Amino acid sequence: MSSIFDGISSVYDRGMAPLEAALLRRLRRRMFPPLAGDVLELGIGTGVNLPLYSSQAHVAGCDVSGKMLAWAAQRRPRTSVRLIQADAQALPFRDACFDVVTASLLFCSVADPTRGLQEVHRVLRPGGRLMLLEHTRGRGIGRWVTDLLHPLWLAWSHDCHLNRETARTVAEAGFELQRVETYVLGIVRLIEARPAPQSR
């Protein structure tokens, strides 16, 4: 199983450092420490979130890139972690086995985000939560910027979409949106959702 991220795994954290310092680190520190129970983190990448989990979380981390997982394995989390190479669109887990599914900066790059979210829906227990930190199509001038830059960015990155409407896709995949916080002209969003009762 190969991924475009295999080739950038050794420089990914350095490349992300300015964005982390400007905003993402603060949002990660709000989002991940409170999570508890059986947690699945999709697109775990180099494992930047792993040190943030409390001992109340039991984490399974998936990524399609084996080389990114190798970097994640070097982290020193405070809780138990299993790392699995897997595609978010075909998760190797039984139905209803996680209390929380989370991801950061993932659904911009999933080939079929609806399929990935349907898999999330399948593996979440009744009453479970989906927690996402994503970059999306912006609002106002942010929408204009993301739409303008999207073709060039996609041509360079091959699979990262700047203008996906991820919150809307989450709702269309059978979730009830509980909270959507927007930052940086609506381009960065923190999304919390639960499976809609009628969709079970």
C-alpha atoms as a PDB file:
ATOM      1  CA  MET A   1       0.000   0.000   0.000  1.00  0.00           C
ATOM      2  CA  SER A   2       1.760   3.158  -1.186  1.00  0.00           C
ATOM      3  CA  SER A   3       0.932   6.817  -0.629  1.00  0.00           C
ATOM      4  CA  ILE A   4       2.163  10.177  -1.837  1.00  0.00           C
ATOM      5  CA  PHE A   5       2.925  10.883   1.830  1.00  0.00           C
ATOM      6  CA  ASP A   6       5.611   8.183   1.830  1.00  0.00           C
ATOM      7  CA  GLY A   7       7.866  10.562  -0.089  1.00  0.00           C
ATOM      8  CA  ILE A   8       7.411  13.531   2.245  1.00  0.00           C
ATOM      9  CA  SER A   9       7.227  11.756   5.601  1.00  0.00           C
ATOM     10  CA  SER A  10      10.693  12.904   6.718  1.00  0.00           C
ATOM     11  CA  VAL A  11       9.977  16.611   6.067  1.00  0.00           C
ATOM     12  CA  TYR A  12       6.232  16.777   6.761  1.00  0.00           C
ATOM     13  CA  ASP A  13       6.462  18.104  10.324  1.00  0.00           C
ATOM     14  CA  ARG A  14       8.989  20.763   9.354  1.00  0.00           C
ATOM     15  CA  GLY A  15       6.803  21.883   6.470  1.00  0.00           C
ATOM     16  CA  MET A  16       3.785  22.159   8.748  1.00  0.00           C
ATOM     17  CA  ALA A  17       5.633  24.005  11.527  1.00  0.00           C
ATOM     18  CA  PRO A  18       4.503  27.553  10.560  1.00  0.00           C
ATOM     19  CA  LEU A  19       0.825  26.532  10.448  1.00  0.00           C
ATOM     20  CA  GLU A  20       1.181  24.603  13.681  1.00  0.00           C
ATOM     21  CA  ALA A  21       2.659  27.627  15.435  1.00  0.00           C
ATOM     22  CA  ALA A  22       0.071  30.027  14.014  1.00  0.00           C
ATOM     23  CA  LEU A  23      -3.092  28.060  14.837  1.00  0.00           C
ATOM     24  CA  LEU A  24      -3.163  24.282  14.540  1.00  0.00           C
ATOM     25  CA  ARG A  25      -1.230  23.467  17.721  1.00  0.00           C
ATOM     26  CA  ARG A  26      -3.670  25.495  19.796  1.00  0.00           C
ATOM     27  CA  LEU A  27      -6.673  23.735  18.248  1.00  0.00           C
ATOM     28  CA  ARG A  28      -5.085  20.302  18.663  1.00  0.00           C
ATOM     29  CA  ARG A  29      -4.490  21.017  22.367  1.00  0.00           C
ATOM     30  CA  ARG A  30      -8.179  21.832  22.778  1.00  0.00           C
ATOM     31  CA  MET A  31      -9.421  18.867  20.791  1.00  0.00           C
ATOM     32  CA  PHE A  32      -7.399  15.802  21.727  1.00  0.00           C
ATOM     33  CA  PRO A  33      -6.688  15.814  25.506  1.00  0.00           C
ATOM     34  CA  PRO A  34     -10.384  15.469  26.523  1.00  0.00           C
ATOM     35  CA  LEU A  35     -10.976  12.388  24.342  1.00  0.00           C
ATOM     36  CA  ALA A  36     -11.536   9.160  26.267  1.00  0.00           C
ATOM     37  CA  GLY A  37     -12.545   5.550  25.694  1.00  0.00           C
ATOM     38  CA  ASP A  38     -11.766   3.615  22.531  1.00  0.00           C
ATOM     39  CA  VAL A  39     -10.526   6.209  20.055  1.00  0.00           C
ATOM     40  CA  LEU A  40      -9.745   5.749  16.364  1.00  0.00           C
ATOM     41  CA  GLU A  41      -7.568   8.424  14.803  1.00  0.00           C
ATOM     42  CA  LEU A  42      -7.680   8.343  11.018  1.00  0.00           C
ATOM     43  CA  GLY A  43      -4.808   9.755   8.987  1.00  0.00           C
ATOM     44  CA  ILE A  44      -2.604   9.747  12.057  1.00  0.00           C
ATOM     45  CA  GLY A  45       0.414  10.679   9.933  1.00  0.00           C
ATOM     46  CA  THR A  46       3.576  11.286  11.933  1.00  0.00           C
ATOM     47  CA  GLY A  47       1.602  11.030  15.170  1.00  0.00           C
ATOM     48  CA  VAL A  48       1.695  14.699  16.098  1.00  0.00           C
ATOM     49  CA  ASN A  49      -1.468  14.257  18.198  1.00  0.00           C
ATOM     50  CA  LEU A  50      -0.278  11.182  20.105  1.00  0.00           C
ATOM     51  CA  PRO A  51       1.402  13.041  23.010  1.00  0.00           C
ATOM     52  CA  LEU A  52      -1.838  14.987  23.557  1.00  0.00           C
ATOM     53  CA  TYR A  53      -4.043  12.020  24.467  1.00  0.00           C
ATOM     54  CA  SER A  54      -4.728  11.408  28.127  1.00  0.00           C
ATOM     55  CA  SER A  55      -4.397   8.021  29.777  1.00  0.00           C
ATOM     56  CA  GLN A  56      -8.203   7.734  29.537  1.00  0.00           C
ATOM     57  CA  ALA A  57      -7.989   7.158  25.781  1.00  0.00           C
ATOM     58  CA  HIS A  58      -7.075   3.834  24.149  1.00  0.00           C
ATOM     59  CA  VAL A  59      -5.966   4.783  20.669  1.00  0.00           C
ATOM     60  CA  ALA A  60      -5.924   2.970  17.354  1.00  0.00           C
ATOM     61  CA  GLY A  61      -4.154   5.056  14.730  1.00  0.00           C
ATOM     62  CA  CYS A  62      -4.557   4.420  11.008  1.00  0.00           C
ATOM     63  CA  ASP A  63      -2.717   5.830   8.047  1.00  0.00           C
ATOM     64  CA  VAL A  64      -2.378   4.729   4.456  1.00  0.00           C
ATOM     65  CA  SER A  65       1.346   5.610   4.518  1.00  0.00           C
ATOM     66  CA  GLY A  66       3.646   3.080   6.133  1.00  0.00           C
ATOM     67  CA  LYS A  67       6.475   5.610   6.301  1.00  0.00           C
ATOM     68  CA  MET A  68       4.332   8.136   8.139  1.00  0.00           C
ATOM     69  CA  LEU A  69       3.399   5.393  10.609  1.00  0.00           C
ATOM     70  CA  ALA A  70       7.094   4.674  11.157  1.00  0.00           C
ATOM     71  CA  TRP A  71       7.526   8.265  12.341  1.00  0.00           C
ATOM     72  CA  ALA A  72       4.408   7.992  14.509  1.00  0.00           C
ATOM     73  CA  ALA A  73       5.871   4.898  16.174  1.00  0.00           C
ATOM     74  CA  GLN A  74       8.720   7.054  17.535  1.00  0.00           C
ATOM     75  CA  ARG A  75       6.358   9.242  19.563  1.00  0.00           C
ATOM     76  CA  ARG A  76       6.042   8.743  23.316  1.00  0.00           C
ATOM     77  CA  PRO A  77       2.330   8.854  24.170  1.00  0.00           C
ATOM     78  CA  ARG A  78       0.896   8.626  27.685  1.00  0.00           C
ATOM     79  CA  THR A  79      -1.544   5.886  26.735  1.00  0.00           C
ATOM     80  CA  SER A  80      -1.822   2.644  24.800  1.00  0.00           C
ATOM     81  CA  VAL A  81      -1.598   3.019  21.012  1.00  0.00           C
ATOM     82  CA  ARG A  82      -1.971   0.574  18.136  1.00  0.00           C
ATOM     83  CA  LEU A  83      -0.782   1.700  14.702  1.00  0.00           C
ATOM     84  CA  ILE A  84      -2.371   0.124  11.630  1.00  0.00           C
ATOM     85  CA  GLN A  85      -1.717   0.757   7.961  1.00  0.00           C
ATOM     86  CA  ALA A  86      -5.169   1.148   6.437  1.00  0.00           C
ATOM     87  CA  ASP A  87      -7.252   3.302   4.126  1.00  0.00           C
ATOM     88  CA  ALA A  88     -10.012   5.352   5.762  1.00  0.00           C
ATOM     89  CA  GLN A  89     -12.338   4.144   2.982  1.00  0.00           C
ATOM     90  CA  ALA A  90     -11.959   0.468   3.991  1.00  0.00           C
ATOM     91  CA  LEU A  91     -11.348   0.198   7.732  1.00  0.00           C
ATOM     92  CA  PRO A  92     -10.247  -3.190   9.115  1.00  0.00           C
ATOM     93  CA  PHE A  93     -12.493  -3.005  12.192  1.00  0.00           C
ATOM     94  CA  ARG A  94     -15.782  -4.597  13.167  1.00  0.00           C
ATOM     95  CA  ASP A  95     -18.963  -2.561  13.425  1.00  0.00           C
ATOM     96  CA  ALA A  96     -19.584  -0.328  16.455  1.00  0.00           C
ATOM     97  CA  CYS A  97     -16.218  -0.725  18.188  1.00  0.00           C
ATOM     98  CA  PHE A  98     -15.116   2.890  18.873  1.00  0.00           C
ATOM     99  CA  ASP A  99     -16.422   5.607  21.162  1.00  0.00           C
ATOM    100  CA  VAL A 100     -14.732   8.383  19.183  1.00  0.00           C
ATOM    101  CA  VAL A 101     -13.358   8.684  15.660  1.00  0.00           C
ATOM    102  CA  THR A 102     -11.134  11.658  15.012  1.00  0.00           C
ATOM    103  CA  ALA A 103      -8.899  13.050  12.291  1.00  0.00           C
ATOM    104  CA  SER A 104      -6.981  16.202  11.496  1.00  0.00           C
ATOM    105  CA  LEU A 105      -6.339  17.490   7.983  1.00  0.00           C
ATOM    106  CA  LEU A 106      -7.440  14.194   6.453  1.00  0.00           C
ATOM    107  CA  PHE A 107     -10.686  14.488   4.523  1.00  0.00           C
ATOM    108  CA  CYS A 108      -9.164  16.987   2.106  1.00  0.00           C
ATOM    109  CA  SER A 109      -7.146  14.052   0.753  1.00  0.00           C
ATOM    110  CA  VAL A 110      -9.508  11.061   0.967  1.00  0.00           C
ATOM    111  CA  ALA A 111     -10.447  10.089  -2.597  1.00  0.00           C
ATOM    112  CA  ASP A 112     -14.106   9.493  -1.687  1.00  0.00           C
ATOM    113  CA  PRO A 113     -14.861  11.382   1.540  1.00  0.00           C
ATOM    114  CA  THR A 114     -18.451  10.135   1.651  1.00  0.00           C
ATOM    115  CA  ARG A 115     -17.250   6.546   1.600  1.00  0.00           C
ATOM    116  CA  GLY A 116     -14.725   7.322   4.336  1.00  0.00           C
ATOM    117  CA  LEU A 117     -17.401   8.924   6.503  1.00  0.00           C
ATOM    118  CA  GLN A 118     -19.700   5.951   5.960  1.00  0.00           C
ATOM    119  CA  GLU A 119     -16.909   3.765   7.309  1.00  0.00           C
ATOM    120  CA  VAL A 120     -16.616   6.089  10.305  1.00  0.00           C
ATOM    121  CA  HIS A 121     -20.354   5.750  10.841  1.00  0.00           C
ATOM    122  CA  ARG A 122     -20.052   1.962  10.704  1.00  0.00           C
ATOM    123  CA  VAL A 123     -17.301   1.646  13.325  1.00  0.00           C
ATOM    124  CA  LEU A 124     -18.767   4.173  15.796  1.00  0.00           C
ATOM    125  CA  ARG A 125     -20.806   2.896  18.702  1.00  0.00           C
ATOM    126  CA  PRO A 126     -24.317   4.306  19.216  1.00  0.00           C
ATOM    127  CA  GLY A 127     -23.885   7.716  20.820  1.00  0.00           C
ATOM    128  CA  GLY A 128     -20.273   7.909  19.618  1.00  0.00           C
ATOM    129  CA  ARG A 129     -18.622  11.109  18.402  1.00  0.00           C
ATOM    130  CA  LEU A 130     -16.809  12.229  15.280  1.00  0.00           C
ATOM    131  CA  MET A 131     -14.240  14.984  15.885  1.00  0.00           C
ATOM    132  CA  LEU A 132     -12.496  16.610  12.920  1.00  0.00           C
ATOM    133  CA  LEU A 133      -9.974  19.400  12.469  1.00  0.00           C
ATOM    134  CA  GLU A 134     -10.010  20.174   8.747  1.00  0.00           C
ATOM    135  CA  HIS A 135      -9.151  22.780   6.179  1.00  0.00           C
ATOM    136  CA  THR A 136     -12.146  23.416   3.919  1.00  0.00           C
ATOM    137  CA  ARG A 137     -13.647  25.818   1.431  1.00  0.00           C
ATOM    138  CA  GLY A 138     -13.663  29.201   3.108  1.00  0.00           C
ATOM    139  CA  ARG A 139     -16.360  31.825   3.561  1.00  0.00           C
ATOM    140  CA  GLY A 140     -16.533  35.186   1.808  1.00  0.00           C
ATOM    141  CA  ILE A 141     -13.062  36.139   0.620  1.00  0.00           C
ATOM    142  CA  GLY A 142     -11.830  32.811   2.034  1.00  0.00           C
ATOM    143  CA  ARG A 143     -14.080  31.007  -0.442  1.00  0.00           C
ATOM    144  CA  TRP A 144     -12.684  33.086  -3.295  1.00  0.00           C
ATOM    145  CA  VAL A 145      -9.107  32.323  -2.206  1.00  0.00           C
ATOM    146  CA  THR A 146      -9.620  28.562  -1.821  1.00  0.00           C
ATOM    147  CA  ASP A 147     -11.482  28.291  -5.133  1.00  0.00           C
ATOM    148  CA  LEU A 148      -8.802  30.321  -6.917  1.00  0.00           C
ATOM    149  CA  LEU A 149      -5.867  28.337  -5.544  1.00  0.00           C
ATOM    150  CA  HIS A 150      -7.482  24.899  -5.677  1.00  0.00           C
ATOM    151  CA  PRO A 151      -6.559  23.857  -9.258  1.00  0.00           C
ATOM    152  CA  LEU A 152      -2.879  24.731  -8.833  1.00  0.00           C
ATOM    153  CA  TRP A 153      -2.697  23.187  -5.358  1.00  0.00           C
ATOM    154  CA  LEU A 154      -4.345  19.961  -6.495  1.00  0.00           C
ATOM    155  CA  ALA A 155      -2.015  19.700  -9.489  1.00  0.00           C
ATOM    156  CA  TRP A 156       0.982  20.047  -7.163  1.00  0.00           C
ATOM    157  CA  SER A 157      -0.245  17.888  -4.278  1.00  0.00           C
ATOM    158  CA  HIS A 158      -2.096  15.287  -6.430  1.00  0.00           C
ATOM    159  CA  ASP A 159      -4.764  14.550  -3.801  1.00  0.00           C
ATOM    160  CA  CYS A 160      -5.292  17.519  -1.431  1.00  0.00           C
ATOM    161  CA  HIS A 161      -8.444  19.534  -2.159  1.00  0.00           C
ATOM    162  CA  LEU A 162      -8.548  23.111  -0.865  1.00  0.00           C
ATOM    163  CA  ASN A 163     -12.260  23.698  -1.377  1.00  0.00           C
ATOM    164  CA  ARG A 164     -14.142  20.718  -0.028  1.00  0.00           C
ATOM    165  CA  GLU A 165     -17.343  21.372   1.951  1.00  0.00           C
ATOM    166  CA  THR A 166     -16.459  18.856   4.643  1.00  0.00           C
ATOM    167  CA  ALA A 167     -19.069  19.883   7.228  1.00  0.00           C
ATOM    168  CA  ARG A 168     -21.808  19.476   4.628  1.00  0.00           C
ATOM    169  CA  THR A 169     -20.404  16.094   3.565  1.00  0.00           C
ATOM    170  CA  VAL A 170     -20.416  14.955   7.207  1.00  0.00           C
ATOM    171  CA  ALA A 171     -24.119  15.837   7.484  1.00  0.00           C
ATOM    172  CA  GLU A 172     -24.921  14.114   4.185  1.00  0.00           C
ATOM    173  CA  ALA A 173     -23.152  10.948   5.383  1.00  0.00           C
ATOM    174  CA  GLY A 174     -25.661  10.402   8.189  1.00  0.00           C
ATOM    175  CA  PHE A 175     -24.311  12.563  11.017  1.00  0.00           C
ATOM    176  CA  GLU A 176     -25.874  15.320  13.071  1.00  0.00           C
ATOM    177  CA  LEU A 177     -23.555  18.305  13.358  1.00  0.00           C
ATOM    178  CA  GLN A 178     -23.122  19.256  17.023  1.00  0.00           C
ATOM    179  CA  ARG A 179     -20.596  22.042  16.601  1.00  0.00           C
ATOM    180  CA  VAL A 180     -18.725  23.727  13.758  1.00  0.00           C
ATOM    181  CA  GLU A 181     -16.116  26.329  14.699  1.00  0.00           C
ATOM    182  CA  THR A 182     -14.512  28.335  11.898  1.00  0.00           C
ATOM    183  CA  TYR A 183     -11.146  30.075  11.757  1.00  0.00           C
ATOM    184  CA  VAL A 184      -9.099  31.983   9.178  1.00  0.00           C
ATOM    185  CA  LEU A 185     -11.956  33.171   6.926  1.00  0.00           C
ATOM    186  CA  GLY A 186     -13.732  29.865   7.397  1.00  0.00           C
ATOM    187  CA  ILE A 187     -10.870  27.874   5.885  1.00  0.00           C
ATOM    188  CA  VAL A 188     -10.041  25.953   9.078  1.00  0.00           C
ATOM    189  CA  ARG A 189     -12.901  24.212  10.863  1.00  0.00           C
ATOM    190  CA  LEU A 190     -13.333  22.174  14.007  1.00  0.00           C
ATOM    191  CA  ILE A 191     -16.270  19.834  13.432  1.00  0.00           C
ATOM    192  CA  GLU A 192     -18.056  17.713  16.022  1.00  0.00           C
ATOM    193  CA  ALA A 193     -20.856  15.341  14.986  1.00  0.00           C
ATOM    194  CA  ARG A 194     -22.768  12.262  16.117  1.00  0.00           C
ATOM    195  CA  PRO A 195     -24.493   9.573  14.061  1.00  0.00           C
ATOM    196  CA  ALA A 196     -28.062  10.627  13.381  1.00  0.00           C
ATOM    197  CA  PRO A 197     -30.480   8.256  15.169  1.00  0.00           C
ATOM    198  CA  GLN A 198     -32.486   7.525  12.034  1.00  0.00           C
ATOM    199  CA  SER A 199     -29.321   6.602  10.119  1.00  0.00           C
ATOM    200  CA  ARG A 200     -28.512   3.590  12.336  1.00  0.00           C
END
